[in-house]
Amino acid sequence: MVPASEAPYRELLGAPVRFAAPVSAIAIDPAELAAPLPPRDPALHEMLTRFAEERLARVAVRRELADEVRLAVRRAFDGNRAPEVSAIARHLGMGQRTLGRRLQEQGTTYAALLDDVRRVTALELLERDVTTAEIAFFLGYSDSRAFLRAFRRWTGLTPGRFRRSTL
């Protein structure tokens, strides 16, 4: 999409701007590249580095724990019931309450992760022409109707309509 006017971009960048050009590029005057950088502020650098490392550590832990729970849940499905949170917590080497607290700190719950694993697994099984009754049983639903309600909540479609739409 080409904007109606290049003027605001020219004003913002302080340089000529062309849209719908045959090549996407930014041209920088070599003199600008040779200009000295502003003086270094060691205190600011330290503060920003610490802030960035703390943020990265939180993101990494969040991903790792949620991924570990999803993987453990996926491996623990035994074909007629969903894995209990206590079994997953034991597998991860922590108590059920600790797992719940750590997931809550990260803005999720065991139930949400279990639901996500069920959704992903259901979609994979539907691609393999597994019946909805078999999927419901494998994912630990009490009956096919419970699975159908969950599937509609996830996708807005019935499994049959979803299967037809992906062919």
N, C-alpha and C. Protein backbone atom coordinates (compact mmCIF):
# COMPACT_ATOMS: atom_id res chain seq x y z
N MET A 1 0.84 -1.16 0.00
CA MET A 1 0.00 0.00 0.00
C MET A 1 0.90 1.25 0.00
N VAL A 2 0.64 2.13 -0.92
CA VAL A 2 1.43 3.36 -1.05
C VAL A 2 0.67 4.49 -0.38
N PRO A 3 1.32 5.23 0.53
CA PRO A 3 0.63 6.34 1.18
C PRO A 3 0.30 7.45 0.18
N ALA A 4 -0.69 8.25 0.54
CA ALA A 4 -1.12 9.35 -0.33
C ALA A 4 -0.02 10.38 -0.50
N SER A 5 0.78 10.59 0.54
CA SER A 5 1.83 11.60 0.47
C SER A 5 3.11 11.08 1.11
N GLU A 6 4.20 11.42 0.50
CA GLU A 6 5.51 11.05 1.04
C GLU A 6 6.02 12.09 2.04
N ALA A 7 5.38 13.25 2.08
CA ALA A 7 5.85 14.38 2.88
C ALA A 7 6.04 14.03 4.36
N PRO A 8 5.06 13.38 5.03
CA PRO A 8 5.27 13.09 6.46
C PRO A 8 6.48 12.19 6.70
N TYR A 9 6.73 11.26 5.78
CA TYR A 9 7.86 10.35 5.92
C TYR A 9 9.18 11.10 5.69
N ARG A 10 9.17 11.96 4.70
CA ARG A 10 10.35 12.78 4.40
C ARG A 10 10.68 13.65 5.61
N GLU A 11 9.63 14.22 6.22
CA GLU A 11 9.83 15.10 7.38
C GLU A 11 10.36 14.29 8.57
N LEU A 12 9.80 13.13 8.79
CA LEU A 12 10.22 12.28 9.90
C LEU A 12 11.66 11.82 9.74
N LEU A 13 12.00 11.37 8.55
CA LEU A 13 13.33 10.81 8.32
C LEU A 13 14.37 11.85 7.94
N GLY A 14 13.91 13.00 7.49
CA GLY A 14 14.86 14.05 7.07
C GLY A 14 15.62 13.67 5.83
N ALA A 15 14.98 12.89 4.97
CA ALA A 15 15.64 12.43 3.74
C ALA A 15 14.58 12.15 2.69
N PRO A 16 14.98 12.09 1.43
CA PRO A 16 14.02 11.76 0.39
C PRO A 16 13.45 10.36 0.59
N VAL A 17 12.19 10.19 0.24
CA VAL A 17 11.50 8.91 0.40
C VAL A 17 10.76 8.62 -0.90
N ARG A 18 10.84 7.36 -1.36
CA ARG A 18 10.11 6.94 -2.55
C ARG A 18 9.40 5.63 -2.26
N PHE A 19 8.10 5.58 -2.55
CA PHE A 19 7.34 4.34 -2.39
C PHE A 19 7.11 3.72 -3.75
N ALA A 20 6.79 2.44 -3.76
CA ALA A 20 6.55 1.68 -4.99
C ALA A 20 7.78 1.68 -5.89
N ALA A 21 8.95 1.70 -5.30
CA ALA A 21 10.21 1.65 -6.05
C ALA A 21 10.51 0.19 -6.39
N PRO A 22 11.32 -0.05 -7.39
CA PRO A 22 11.62 -1.44 -7.77
C PRO A 22 12.48 -2.18 -6.73
N VAL A 23 13.12 -1.44 -5.84
CA VAL A 23 14.00 -2.05 -4.83
C VAL A 23 13.69 -1.43 -3.48
N SER A 24 13.67 -2.26 -2.42
CA SER A 24 13.53 -1.74 -1.06
C SER A 24 14.92 -1.50 -0.51
N ALA A 25 15.19 -0.27 -0.13
CA ALA A 25 16.53 0.05 0.36
C ALA A 25 16.50 1.30 1.21
N ILE A 26 17.50 1.43 2.03
CA ILE A 26 17.74 2.65 2.79
C ILE A 26 19.16 3.07 2.45
N ALA A 27 19.29 4.28 1.95
CA ALA A 27 20.62 4.79 1.59
C ALA A 27 21.09 5.71 2.71
N ILE A 28 22.29 5.43 3.22
CA ILE A 28 22.85 6.24 4.30
C ILE A 28 24.15 6.85 3.80
N ASP A 29 24.25 8.12 4.00
CA ASP A 29 25.45 8.86 3.59
C ASP A 29 26.65 8.34 4.39
N PRO A 30 27.74 7.98 3.75
CA PRO A 30 28.92 7.47 4.47
C PRO A 30 29.41 8.43 5.55
N ALA A 31 29.22 9.73 5.35
CA ALA A 31 29.65 10.69 6.37
C ALA A 31 28.85 10.48 7.66
N GLU A 32 27.56 10.13 7.52
CA GLU A 32 26.74 9.87 8.70
C GLU A 32 27.25 8.64 9.46
N LEU A 33 27.65 7.63 8.70
CA LEU A 33 28.17 6.41 9.33
C LEU A 33 29.50 6.66 10.03
N ALA A 34 30.26 7.62 9.54
CA ALA A 34 31.57 7.91 10.12
C ALA A 34 31.48 8.82 11.34
N ALA A 35 30.29 9.38 11.59
CA ALA A 35 30.13 10.30 12.73
C ALA A 35 30.38 9.55 14.04
N PRO A 36 30.99 10.19 15.02
CA PRO A 36 31.26 9.52 16.30
C PRO A 36 29.96 9.24 17.05
N LEU A 37 29.98 8.16 17.79
CA LEU A 37 28.83 7.81 18.62
C LEU A 37 28.81 8.72 19.85
N PRO A 38 27.64 8.91 20.43
CA PRO A 38 27.59 9.72 21.66
C PRO A 38 28.45 9.07 22.75
N PRO A 39 28.89 9.86 23.73
CA PRO A 39 29.74 9.30 24.79
C PRO A 39 29.01 8.17 25.53
N ARG A 40 29.80 7.22 25.95
CA ARG A 40 29.26 6.06 26.64
C ARG A 40 28.91 6.42 28.07
N ASP A 41 27.78 5.87 28.56
CA ASP A 41 27.35 6.10 29.93
C ASP A 41 27.37 4.74 30.64
N PRO A 42 28.44 4.42 31.37
CA PRO A 42 28.56 3.10 32.00
C PRO A 42 27.40 2.78 32.95
N ALA A 43 26.93 3.76 33.69
CA ALA A 43 25.83 3.50 34.64
C ALA A 43 24.55 3.14 33.89
N LEU A 44 24.25 3.86 32.83
CA LEU A 44 23.06 3.57 32.03
C LEU A 44 23.20 2.21 31.36
N HIS A 45 24.39 1.93 30.84
CA HIS A 45 24.64 0.64 30.20
C HIS A 45 24.40 -0.50 31.18
N GLU A 46 24.92 -0.38 32.39
CA GLU A 46 24.74 -1.41 33.42
C GLU A 46 23.27 -1.60 33.74
N MET A 47 22.55 -0.49 33.93
CA MET A 47 21.14 -0.57 34.27
C MET A 47 20.34 -1.24 33.14
N LEU A 48 20.58 -0.85 31.90
CA LEU A 48 19.84 -1.43 30.78
C LEU A 48 20.20 -2.89 30.56
N THR A 49 21.47 -3.24 30.76
CA THR A 49 21.88 -4.64 30.64
C THR A 49 21.20 -5.50 31.69
N ARG A 50 21.19 -5.04 32.93
CA ARG A 50 20.53 -5.78 34.01
C ARG A 50 19.04 -5.96 33.71
N PHE A 51 18.39 -4.87 33.28
CA PHE A 51 16.97 -4.91 32.94
C PHE A 51 16.72 -5.94 31.83
N ALA A 52 17.53 -5.90 30.77
CA ALA A 52 17.35 -6.82 29.65
C ALA A 52 17.56 -8.27 30.08
N GLU A 53 18.58 -8.52 30.90
CA GLU A 53 18.84 -9.89 31.36
C GLU A 53 17.71 -10.42 32.23
N GLU A 54 17.17 -9.57 33.11
CA GLU A 54 16.04 -9.99 33.95
C GLU A 54 14.83 -10.33 33.10
N ARG A 55 14.53 -9.49 32.10
CA ARG A 55 13.40 -9.74 31.22
C ARG A 55 13.59 -11.04 30.43
N LEU A 56 14.78 -11.24 29.90
CA LEU A 56 15.06 -12.45 29.14
C LEU A 56 14.95 -13.69 30.02
N ALA A 57 15.41 -13.61 31.25
CA ALA A 57 15.33 -14.75 32.17
C ALA A 57 13.88 -15.11 32.43
N ARG A 58 13.02 -14.11 32.64
CA ARG A 58 11.60 -14.38 32.89
C ARG A 58 10.94 -15.00 31.66
N VAL A 59 11.26 -14.51 30.50
CA VAL A 59 10.67 -15.06 29.28
C VAL A 59 11.14 -16.49 29.07
N ALA A 60 12.41 -16.75 29.27
CA ALA A 60 12.93 -18.10 29.08
C ALA A 60 12.30 -19.08 30.05
N VAL A 61 12.15 -18.69 31.32
CA VAL A 61 11.53 -19.58 32.30
C VAL A 61 10.08 -19.83 31.92
N ARG A 62 9.38 -18.80 31.53
CA ARG A 62 7.98 -18.94 31.15
C ARG A 62 7.84 -19.94 30.02
N ARG A 63 8.65 -19.78 28.99
CA ARG A 63 8.59 -20.69 27.86
C ARG A 63 8.96 -22.10 28.28
N GLU A 64 10.03 -22.22 29.02
CA GLU A 64 10.50 -23.54 29.39
C GLU A 64 9.49 -24.30 30.22
N LEU A 65 8.91 -23.68 31.23
CA LEU A 65 7.97 -24.40 32.08
C LEU A 65 6.71 -24.78 31.30
N ALA A 66 6.15 -23.84 30.57
CA ALA A 66 4.95 -24.14 29.79
C ALA A 66 5.24 -25.24 28.77
N ASP A 67 6.39 -25.15 28.11
CA ASP A 67 6.75 -26.18 27.13
C ASP A 67 6.96 -27.53 27.79
N GLU A 68 7.59 -27.53 28.96
CA GLU A 68 7.80 -28.79 29.69
C GLU A 68 6.47 -29.41 30.08
N VAL A 69 5.54 -28.58 30.55
CA VAL A 69 4.22 -29.09 30.95
C VAL A 69 3.50 -29.64 29.73
N ARG A 70 3.50 -28.89 28.62
CA ARG A 70 2.82 -29.37 27.41
C ARG A 70 3.40 -30.71 26.95
N LEU A 71 4.72 -30.81 26.93
CA LEU A 71 5.37 -32.04 26.49
C LEU A 71 5.02 -33.20 27.42
N ALA A 72 5.06 -32.95 28.72
CA ALA A 72 4.72 -34.00 29.69
C ALA A 72 3.27 -34.43 29.54
N VAL A 73 2.38 -33.48 29.33
CA VAL A 73 0.96 -33.80 29.16
C VAL A 73 0.78 -34.64 27.90
N ARG A 74 1.40 -34.21 26.83
CA ARG A 74 1.25 -34.93 25.56
C ARG A 74 1.75 -36.37 25.68
N ARG A 75 2.86 -36.55 26.36
CA ARG A 75 3.41 -37.91 26.53
C ARG A 75 2.58 -38.76 27.48
N ALA A 76 1.87 -38.12 28.40
CA ALA A 76 1.14 -38.86 29.43
C ALA A 76 -0.26 -39.29 29.02
N PHE A 77 -0.79 -38.79 27.93
CA PHE A 77 -2.10 -39.26 27.48
C PHE A 77 -2.00 -40.76 27.27
N ASP A 78 -2.93 -41.52 27.87
CA ASP A 78 -2.83 -42.97 27.74
C ASP A 78 -3.99 -43.58 26.98
N GLY A 79 -4.78 -42.78 26.33
CA GLY A 79 -5.82 -43.34 25.49
C GLY A 79 -7.19 -43.40 26.11
N ASN A 80 -7.35 -43.02 27.36
CA ASN A 80 -8.71 -42.96 27.90
C ASN A 80 -8.90 -41.92 28.99
N ARG A 81 -7.83 -41.22 29.33
CA ARG A 81 -8.00 -40.14 30.32
C ARG A 81 -6.85 -39.16 30.21
N ALA A 82 -7.17 -37.92 30.56
CA ALA A 82 -6.15 -36.88 30.55
C ALA A 82 -5.26 -37.05 31.78
N PRO A 83 -4.01 -36.71 31.67
CA PRO A 83 -3.11 -36.85 32.82
C PRO A 83 -3.49 -35.89 33.95
N GLU A 84 -3.37 -36.37 35.15
CA GLU A 84 -3.67 -35.55 36.34
C GLU A 84 -2.53 -34.57 36.58
N VAL A 85 -2.88 -33.41 37.08
CA VAL A 85 -1.87 -32.38 37.36
C VAL A 85 -0.84 -32.90 38.36
N SER A 86 -1.26 -33.73 39.32
CA SER A 86 -0.32 -34.26 40.31
C SER A 86 0.74 -35.14 39.65
N ALA A 87 0.35 -35.91 38.65
CA ALA A 87 1.31 -36.77 37.95
C ALA A 87 2.31 -35.93 37.14
N ILE A 88 1.81 -34.87 36.50
CA ILE A 88 2.69 -34.00 35.73
C ILE A 88 3.66 -33.27 36.66
N ALA A 89 3.16 -32.79 37.79
CA ALA A 89 4.02 -32.10 38.76
C ALA A 89 5.12 -33.04 39.26
N ARG A 90 4.74 -34.27 39.60
CA ARG A 90 5.72 -35.26 40.04
C ARG A 90 6.76 -35.50 38.96
N HIS A 91 6.31 -35.64 37.72
CA HIS A 91 7.22 -35.87 36.59
C HIS A 91 8.22 -34.71 36.47
N LEU A 92 7.77 -33.49 36.75
CA LEU A 92 8.63 -32.31 36.64
C LEU A 92 9.43 -32.06 37.92
N GLY A 93 9.27 -32.92 38.93
CA GLY A 93 10.06 -32.81 40.15
C GLY A 93 9.61 -31.71 41.08
N MET A 94 8.31 -31.45 41.13
CA MET A 94 7.80 -30.43 42.04
C MET A 94 6.42 -30.85 42.53
N GLY A 95 5.97 -30.17 43.57
CA GLY A 95 4.65 -30.44 44.09
C GLY A 95 3.58 -29.80 43.21
N GLN A 96 2.38 -30.29 43.38
CA GLN A 96 1.25 -29.79 42.60
C GLN A 96 1.01 -28.30 42.85
N ARG A 97 1.09 -27.90 44.11
CA ARG A 97 0.89 -26.48 44.43
C ARG A 97 1.99 -25.60 43.86
N THR A 98 3.23 -26.09 43.89
CA THR A 98 4.34 -25.33 43.33
C THR A 98 4.14 -25.14 41.84
N LEU A 99 3.77 -26.22 41.15
CA LEU A 99 3.51 -26.12 39.72
C LEU A 99 2.40 -25.11 39.45
N GLY A 100 1.34 -25.19 40.22
CA GLY A 100 0.23 -24.25 40.05
C GLY A 100 0.66 -22.81 40.26
N ARG A 101 1.46 -22.57 41.30
CA ARG A 101 1.94 -21.21 41.58
C ARG A 101 2.85 -20.70 40.47
N ARG A 102 3.76 -21.53 40.02
CA ARG A 102 4.69 -21.10 38.97
C ARG A 102 3.97 -20.82 37.67
N LEU A 103 2.99 -21.64 37.36
CA LEU A 103 2.20 -21.38 36.14
C LEU A 103 1.38 -20.10 36.30
N GLN A 104 0.81 -19.92 37.48
CA GLN A 104 0.03 -18.71 37.74
C GLN A 104 0.90 -17.46 37.63
N GLU A 105 2.12 -17.51 38.14
CA GLU A 105 3.06 -16.39 38.01
C GLU A 105 3.32 -16.05 36.55
N GLN A 106 3.22 -17.04 35.72
CA GLN A 106 3.48 -16.85 34.30
C GLN A 106 2.21 -16.60 33.50
N GLY A 107 1.10 -16.46 34.20
CA GLY A 107 -0.15 -16.08 33.54
C GLY A 107 -0.89 -17.22 32.86
N THR A 108 -0.66 -18.44 33.32
CA THR A 108 -1.38 -19.56 32.74
C THR A 108 -1.74 -20.56 33.83
N THR A 109 -2.42 -21.60 33.45
CA THR A 109 -2.82 -22.65 34.40
C THR A 109 -2.59 -24.01 33.75
N TYR A 110 -2.62 -25.04 34.58
CA TYR A 110 -2.52 -26.40 34.06
C TYR A 110 -3.69 -26.69 33.13
N ALA A 111 -4.88 -26.26 33.53
CA ALA A 111 -6.07 -26.50 32.71
C ALA A 111 -5.93 -25.86 31.33
N ALA A 112 -5.38 -24.65 31.26
CA ALA A 112 -5.21 -23.98 29.97
C ALA A 112 -4.19 -24.72 29.10
N LEU A 113 -3.11 -25.21 29.71
CA LEU A 113 -2.10 -25.94 28.95
C LEU A 113 -2.65 -27.29 28.48
N LEU A 114 -3.40 -27.96 29.34
CA LEU A 114 -4.04 -29.22 28.96
C LEU A 114 -4.99 -28.99 27.80
N ASP A 115 -5.78 -27.93 27.87
CA ASP A 115 -6.71 -27.60 26.80
C ASP A 115 -5.96 -27.33 25.50
N ASP A 116 -4.83 -26.65 25.59
CA ASP A 116 -4.03 -26.35 24.40
C ASP A 116 -3.48 -27.63 23.78
N VAL A 117 -2.98 -28.54 24.60
CA VAL A 117 -2.46 -29.82 24.09
C VAL A 117 -3.58 -30.62 23.45
N ARG A 118 -4.74 -30.62 24.07
CA ARG A 118 -5.88 -31.33 23.48
C ARG A 118 -6.24 -30.74 22.12
N ARG A 119 -6.26 -29.42 22.01
CA ARG A 119 -6.60 -28.76 20.75
C ARG A 119 -5.62 -29.15 19.65
N VAL A 120 -4.33 -29.01 19.94
CA VAL A 120 -3.30 -29.32 18.94
C VAL A 120 -3.38 -30.79 18.53
N THR A 121 -3.53 -31.67 19.50
CA THR A 121 -3.60 -33.11 19.22
C THR A 121 -4.84 -33.44 18.41
N ALA A 122 -5.97 -32.84 18.76
CA ALA A 122 -7.21 -33.08 18.01
C ALA A 122 -7.05 -32.68 16.55
N LEU A 123 -6.45 -31.53 16.30
CA LEU A 123 -6.26 -31.07 14.93
C LEU A 123 -5.35 -32.03 14.16
N GLU A 124 -4.31 -32.53 14.82
CA GLU A 124 -3.41 -33.49 14.17
C GLU A 124 -4.12 -34.79 13.85
N LEU A 125 -4.93 -35.27 14.80
CA LEU A 125 -5.64 -36.54 14.59
C LEU A 125 -6.72 -36.41 13.51
N LEU A 126 -7.35 -35.26 13.42
CA LEU A 126 -8.36 -35.06 12.37
C LEU A 126 -7.72 -35.12 10.98
N GLU A 127 -6.48 -34.69 10.86
CA GLU A 127 -5.79 -34.77 9.57
C GLU A 127 -5.48 -36.21 9.18
N ARG A 128 -5.48 -37.10 10.15
CA ARG A 128 -5.17 -38.52 9.89
C ARG A 128 -6.44 -39.36 9.75
N ASP A 129 -7.57 -38.74 9.63
CA ASP A 129 -8.85 -39.43 9.46
C ASP A 129 -9.23 -40.31 10.64
N VAL A 130 -8.83 -39.94 11.83
CA VAL A 130 -9.26 -40.64 13.04
C VAL A 130 -10.68 -40.15 13.34
N THR A 131 -11.56 -41.03 13.78
CA THR A 131 -12.95 -40.63 14.02
C THR A 131 -13.03 -39.72 15.24
N THR A 132 -14.11 -38.93 15.31
CA THR A 132 -14.27 -38.03 16.46
C THR A 132 -14.45 -38.83 17.74
N ALA A 133 -15.09 -39.98 17.68
CA ALA A 133 -15.25 -40.80 18.89
C ALA A 133 -13.88 -41.27 19.40
N GLU A 134 -13.02 -41.68 18.48
CA GLU A 134 -11.68 -42.12 18.88
C GLU A 134 -10.86 -40.97 19.45
N ILE A 135 -10.98 -39.79 18.83
CA ILE A 135 -10.26 -38.62 19.33
C ILE A 135 -10.75 -38.26 20.72
N ALA A 136 -12.06 -38.25 20.91
CA ALA A 136 -12.64 -37.93 22.22
C ALA A 136 -12.12 -38.89 23.28
N PHE A 137 -12.10 -40.18 22.96
CA PHE A 137 -11.61 -41.19 23.90
C PHE A 137 -10.13 -40.97 24.20
N PHE A 138 -9.31 -40.78 23.15
CA PHE A 138 -7.88 -40.61 23.33
C PHE A 138 -7.56 -39.39 24.17
N LEU A 139 -8.31 -38.29 23.99
CA LEU A 139 -8.02 -37.05 24.70
C LEU A 139 -8.65 -37.00 26.10
N GLY A 140 -9.34 -38.07 26.48
CA GLY A 140 -9.85 -38.15 27.84
C GLY A 140 -11.18 -37.46 28.08
N TYR A 141 -11.96 -37.21 27.03
CA TYR A 141 -13.27 -36.61 27.22
C TYR A 141 -14.26 -37.69 27.66
N SER A 142 -15.24 -37.29 28.44
CA SER A 142 -16.22 -38.24 28.95
C SER A 142 -17.06 -38.86 27.84
N ASP A 143 -17.31 -38.09 26.78
CA ASP A 143 -18.04 -38.61 25.63
C ASP A 143 -17.78 -37.72 24.42
N SER A 144 -18.30 -38.13 23.27
CA SER A 144 -18.07 -37.38 22.03
C SER A 144 -18.68 -35.99 22.09
N ARG A 145 -19.81 -35.83 22.78
CA ARG A 145 -20.44 -34.51 22.86
C ARG A 145 -19.54 -33.51 23.56
N ALA A 146 -18.86 -33.94 24.62
CA ALA A 146 -17.95 -33.03 25.33
C ALA A 146 -16.81 -32.61 24.41
N PHE A 147 -16.30 -33.55 23.63
CA PHE A 147 -15.25 -33.21 22.67
C PHE A 147 -15.78 -32.24 21.61
N LEU A 148 -16.97 -32.48 21.10
CA LEU A 148 -17.55 -31.60 20.07
C LEU A 148 -17.70 -30.18 20.60
N ARG A 149 -18.16 -30.03 21.85
CA ARG A 149 -18.29 -28.69 22.44
C ARG A 149 -16.92 -28.00 22.53
N ALA A 150 -15.91 -28.74 22.97
CA ALA A 150 -14.56 -28.16 23.08
C ALA A 150 -14.04 -27.79 21.70
N PHE A 151 -14.27 -28.64 20.72
CA PHE A 151 -13.76 -28.36 19.37
C PHE A 151 -14.42 -27.11 18.79
N ARG A 152 -15.71 -26.96 19.01
CA ARG A 152 -16.40 -25.74 18.55
C ARG A 152 -15.84 -24.50 19.25
N ARG A 153 -15.52 -24.63 20.53
CA ARG A 153 -14.94 -23.51 21.27
C ARG A 153 -13.57 -23.13 20.70
N TRP A 154 -12.79 -24.12 20.33
CA TRP A 154 -11.45 -23.87 19.79
C TRP A 154 -11.48 -23.26 18.39
N THR A 155 -12.37 -23.81 17.53
CA THR A 155 -12.30 -23.46 16.10
C THR A 155 -13.54 -22.75 15.57
N GLY A 156 -14.65 -22.83 16.29
CA GLY A 156 -15.90 -22.29 15.77
C GLY A 156 -16.57 -23.22 14.77
N LEU A 157 -16.01 -24.41 14.58
CA LEU A 157 -16.53 -25.37 13.61
C LEU A 157 -16.73 -26.73 14.26
N THR A 158 -17.51 -27.58 13.61
CA THR A 158 -17.56 -28.98 14.03
C THR A 158 -16.34 -29.68 13.44
N PRO A 159 -15.95 -30.82 13.99
CA PRO A 159 -14.80 -31.54 13.42
C PRO A 159 -15.02 -31.90 11.94
N GLY A 160 -16.24 -32.31 11.59
CA GLY A 160 -16.52 -32.66 10.20
C GLY A 160 -16.35 -31.46 9.27
N ARG A 161 -16.91 -30.33 9.66
CA ARG A 161 -16.78 -29.12 8.83
C ARG A 161 -15.31 -28.68 8.76
N PHE A 162 -14.59 -28.81 9.87
CA PHE A 162 -13.17 -28.44 9.87
C PHE A 162 -12.41 -29.35 8.90
N ARG A 163 -12.69 -30.64 8.96
CA ARG A 163 -12.01 -31.60 8.09
C ARG A 163 -12.27 -31.28 6.62
N ARG A 164 -13.53 -30.96 6.29
CA ARG A 164 -13.87 -30.62 4.90
C ARG A 164 -13.19 -29.32 4.45
N SER A 165 -13.04 -28.37 5.38
CA SER A 165 -12.44 -27.08 5.02
C SER A 165 -10.93 -27.18 4.80
N THR A 166 -10.30 -28.22 5.30
CA THR A 166 -8.84 -28.35 5.16
C THR A 166 -8.45 -29.27 4.00
N LEU A 167 -9.43 -29.87 3.36
CA LEU A 167 -9.11 -30.78 2.24
C LEU A 167 -8.73 -30.01 1.01
